[in-house]
Amino acid sequence: MHPALKGALVGLGIAVVLFLFDYLQLRARAAERAKKNHKTIVEFDQTDKGRVIALVRFLVFVPPGFALLFWMMS
């Protein structure tokens, strides 16, 4: 397998894991906030939405970055 492809796949895996971990943490925080405010619907506030968007923007560049890194190291 070409080193750049391997790096892109590793970067994609890391990006997915980081996104899932952060999303689950934010969802748990939103659920706690809803429970505290006696609400039945759990929803993200504006800060959480901005954090998810910023994370997605960052994670778009992780696979190409890992591909470049793996290609340069080989």
N, C-alpha and C. Protein backbone atom coordinates (compact mmCIF):
# COMPACT_ATOMS: atom_id res chain seq x y z
N MET A 1 0.85 -1.17 0.00
CA MET A 1 0.00 0.00 0.00
C MET A 1 0.90 1.24 0.00
N HIS A 2 0.51 2.22 -0.76
CA HIS A 2 1.28 3.46 -0.85
C HIS A 2 1.28 4.17 0.51
N PRO A 3 2.43 4.71 0.91
CA PRO A 3 2.51 5.36 2.23
C PRO A 3 1.52 6.52 2.40
N ALA A 4 1.26 7.27 1.35
CA ALA A 4 0.32 8.39 1.47
C ALA A 4 -1.10 7.88 1.72
N LEU A 5 -1.46 6.80 1.06
CA LEU A 5 -2.79 6.22 1.27
C LEU A 5 -2.92 5.68 2.69
N LYS A 6 -1.85 5.02 3.15
CA LYS A 6 -1.86 4.51 4.52
C LYS A 6 -1.99 5.65 5.52
N GLY A 7 -1.27 6.74 5.28
CA GLY A 7 -1.37 7.90 6.17
C GLY A 7 -2.75 8.53 6.15
N ALA A 8 -3.35 8.60 4.97
CA ALA A 8 -4.69 9.16 4.87
C ALA A 8 -5.70 8.29 5.62
N LEU A 9 -5.56 7.00 5.54
CA LEU A 9 -6.48 6.11 6.26
C LEU A 9 -6.29 6.21 7.77
N VAL A 10 -5.03 6.31 8.20
CA VAL A 10 -4.76 6.48 9.63
C VAL A 10 -5.33 7.82 10.10
N GLY A 11 -5.11 8.86 9.32
CA GLY A 11 -5.65 10.18 9.66
C GLY A 11 -7.16 10.19 9.70
N LEU A 12 -7.79 9.48 8.78
CA LEU A 12 -9.25 9.40 8.77
C LEU A 12 -9.76 8.68 10.02
N GLY A 13 -9.08 7.62 10.40
CA GLY A 13 -9.46 6.90 11.62
C GLY A 13 -9.33 7.77 12.85
N ILE A 14 -8.24 8.50 12.94
CA ILE A 14 -8.04 9.39 14.08
C ILE A 14 -9.09 10.50 14.08
N ALA A 15 -9.40 11.05 12.92
CA ALA A 15 -10.40 12.11 12.83
C ALA A 15 -11.78 11.61 13.27
N VAL A 16 -12.14 10.42 12.86
CA VAL A 16 -13.44 9.87 13.24
C VAL A 16 -13.50 9.64 14.75
N VAL A 17 -12.44 9.09 15.32
CA VAL A 17 -12.41 8.83 16.76
C VAL A 17 -12.48 10.14 17.54
N LEU A 18 -11.72 11.15 17.12
CA LEU A 18 -11.76 12.44 17.80
C LEU A 18 -13.15 13.07 17.72
N PHE A 19 -13.77 12.99 16.55
CA PHE A 19 -15.10 13.57 16.41
C PHE A 19 -16.11 12.85 17.29
N LEU A 20 -16.09 11.52 17.27
CA LEU A 20 -17.05 10.76 18.09
C LEU A 20 -16.86 11.04 19.58
N PHE A 21 -15.61 11.07 20.02
CA PHE A 21 -15.35 11.33 21.44
C PHE A 21 -15.86 12.70 21.85
N ASP A 22 -15.55 13.73 21.07
CA ASP A 22 -15.97 15.08 21.41
C ASP A 22 -17.49 15.22 21.31
N TYR A 23 -18.10 14.63 20.30
CA TYR A 23 -19.55 14.71 20.13
C TYR A 23 -20.27 14.04 21.30
N LEU A 24 -19.78 12.87 21.71
CA LEU A 24 -20.42 12.18 22.83
C LEU A 24 -20.27 12.97 24.13
N GLN A 25 -19.13 13.62 24.32
CA GLN A 25 -18.94 14.44 25.51
C GLN A 25 -19.89 15.65 25.49
N LEU A 26 -20.02 16.29 24.34
CA LEU A 26 -20.92 17.43 24.24
C LEU A 26 -22.37 17.02 24.43
N ARG A 27 -22.73 15.87 23.91
CA ARG A 27 -24.11 15.39 24.08
C ARG A 27 -24.41 15.09 25.54
N ALA A 28 -23.42 14.51 26.25
CA ALA A 28 -23.61 14.22 27.67
C ALA A 28 -23.76 15.52 28.46
N ARG A 29 -22.95 16.52 28.12
CA ARG A 29 -23.07 17.83 28.79
C ARG A 29 -24.42 18.46 28.52
N ALA A 30 -24.90 18.36 27.29
CA ALA A 30 -26.21 18.93 26.94
C ALA A 30 -27.33 18.20 27.69
N ALA A 31 -27.20 16.89 27.85
CA ALA A 31 -28.21 16.12 28.58
C ALA A 31 -28.23 16.53 30.05
N GLU A 32 -27.05 16.73 30.62
CA GLU A 32 -26.99 17.19 32.02
C GLU A 32 -27.61 18.57 32.17
N ARG A 33 -27.33 19.45 31.21
CA ARG A 33 -27.88 20.80 31.25
C ARG A 33 -29.41 20.76 31.11
N ALA A 34 -29.92 19.89 30.24
CA ALA A 34 -31.37 19.77 30.07
C ALA A 34 -32.03 19.23 31.33
N LYS A 35 -31.37 18.26 31.95
CA LYS A 35 -31.91 17.68 33.18
C LYS A 35 -31.92 18.73 34.30
N LYS A 36 -30.87 19.53 34.36
CA LYS A 36 -30.77 20.57 35.38
C LYS A 36 -31.85 21.64 35.20
N ASN A 37 -32.17 21.94 33.94
CA ASN A 37 -33.19 22.95 33.64
C ASN A 37 -34.58 22.36 33.50
N HIS A 38 -34.73 21.07 33.80
CA HIS A 38 -36.02 20.38 33.76
C HIS A 38 -36.65 20.42 32.37
N LYS A 39 -35.83 20.16 31.35
CA LYS A 39 -36.32 20.10 29.98
C LYS A 39 -36.30 18.65 29.50
N THR A 40 -37.23 18.32 28.61
CA THR A 40 -37.28 16.95 28.10
C THR A 40 -36.50 16.80 26.80
N ILE A 41 -36.30 17.90 26.08
CA ILE A 41 -35.58 17.86 24.80
C ILE A 41 -34.14 18.31 25.03
N VAL A 42 -33.23 17.46 24.62
CA VAL A 42 -31.81 17.78 24.74
C VAL A 42 -31.36 18.45 23.45
N GLU A 43 -30.80 19.65 23.58
CA GLU A 43 -30.32 20.35 22.39
C GLU A 43 -29.03 21.08 22.73
N PHE A 44 -28.20 21.23 21.70
CA PHE A 44 -26.94 21.94 21.87
C PHE A 44 -27.20 23.44 21.94
N ASP A 45 -26.41 24.12 22.75
CA ASP A 45 -26.49 25.58 22.73
C ASP A 45 -25.54 26.11 21.66
N GLN A 46 -25.49 27.42 21.52
CA GLN A 46 -24.71 28.02 20.44
C GLN A 46 -23.22 27.72 20.58
N THR A 47 -22.72 27.66 21.80
CA THR A 47 -21.30 27.36 22.03
C THR A 47 -20.97 25.95 21.58
N ASP A 48 -21.83 25.01 21.90
CA ASP A 48 -21.60 23.62 21.49
C ASP A 48 -21.64 23.46 19.98
N LYS A 49 -22.58 24.13 19.34
CA LYS A 49 -22.66 24.08 17.87
C LYS A 49 -21.40 24.65 17.24
N GLY A 50 -20.93 25.76 17.76
CA GLY A 50 -19.70 26.35 17.25
C GLY A 50 -18.50 25.45 17.45
N ARG A 51 -18.47 24.76 18.58
CA ARG A 51 -17.36 23.85 18.86
C ARG A 51 -17.35 22.68 17.89
N VAL A 52 -18.52 22.13 17.60
CA VAL A 52 -18.61 21.02 16.65
C VAL A 52 -18.19 21.48 15.25
N ILE A 53 -18.64 22.65 14.84
CA ILE A 53 -18.28 23.16 13.51
C ILE A 53 -16.78 23.40 13.41
N ALA A 54 -16.19 23.98 14.45
CA ALA A 54 -14.75 24.22 14.44
C ALA A 54 -13.97 22.91 14.41
N LEU A 55 -14.45 21.92 15.14
CA LEU A 55 -13.78 20.62 15.15
C LEU A 55 -13.84 19.96 13.78
N VAL A 56 -14.99 20.03 13.13
CA VAL A 56 -15.13 19.44 11.79
C VAL A 56 -14.20 20.14 10.81
N ARG A 57 -14.11 21.46 10.91
CA ARG A 57 -13.20 22.20 10.02
C ARG A 57 -11.76 21.76 10.23
N PHE A 58 -11.37 21.53 11.47
CA PHE A 58 -10.01 21.06 11.75
C PHE A 58 -9.81 19.64 11.24
N LEU A 59 -10.79 18.78 11.48
CA LEU A 59 -10.64 17.37 11.14
C LEU A 59 -10.63 17.11 9.64
N VAL A 60 -11.09 18.06 8.85
CA VAL A 60 -11.03 17.92 7.39
C VAL A 60 -9.56 17.87 6.94
N PHE A 61 -8.69 18.56 7.66
CA PHE A 61 -7.29 18.63 7.27
C PHE A 61 -6.42 17.54 7.88
N VAL A 62 -6.96 16.73 8.78
CA VAL A 62 -6.15 15.68 9.42
C VAL A 62 -5.75 14.58 8.43
N PRO A 63 -6.66 13.98 7.65
CA PRO A 63 -6.22 12.94 6.72
C PRO A 63 -5.20 13.41 5.69
N PRO A 64 -5.38 14.58 5.04
CA PRO A 64 -4.32 15.02 4.12
C PRO A 64 -3.00 15.30 4.83
N GLY A 65 -3.07 15.80 6.05
CA GLY A 65 -1.86 16.05 6.81
C GLY A 65 -1.11 14.77 7.13
N PHE A 66 -1.84 13.72 7.54
CA PHE A 66 -1.21 12.44 7.82
C PHE A 66 -0.68 11.81 6.54
N ALA A 67 -1.40 11.98 5.42
CA ALA A 67 -0.93 11.44 4.15
C ALA A 67 0.40 12.10 3.77
N LEU A 68 0.48 13.40 3.91
CA LEU A 68 1.72 14.11 3.61
C LEU A 68 2.84 13.67 4.54
N LEU A 69 2.52 13.54 5.82
CA LEU A 69 3.52 13.12 6.79
C LEU A 69 4.04 11.72 6.50
N PHE A 70 3.15 10.78 6.23
CA PHE A 70 3.57 9.41 5.93
C PHE A 70 4.37 9.36 4.63
N TRP A 71 3.96 10.15 3.65
CA TRP A 71 4.67 10.18 2.37
C TRP A 71 6.08 10.73 2.54
N MET A 72 6.22 11.77 3.37
CA MET A 72 7.53 12.38 3.59
C MET A 72 8.45 11.46 4.39
N MET A 73 7.88 10.64 5.26
CA MET A 73 8.69 9.76 6.10
C MET A 73 9.16 8.51 5.36
N SER A 74 8.53 8.19 4.24
CA SER A 74 8.93 6.97 3.53
C SER A 74 10.02 7.22 2.52
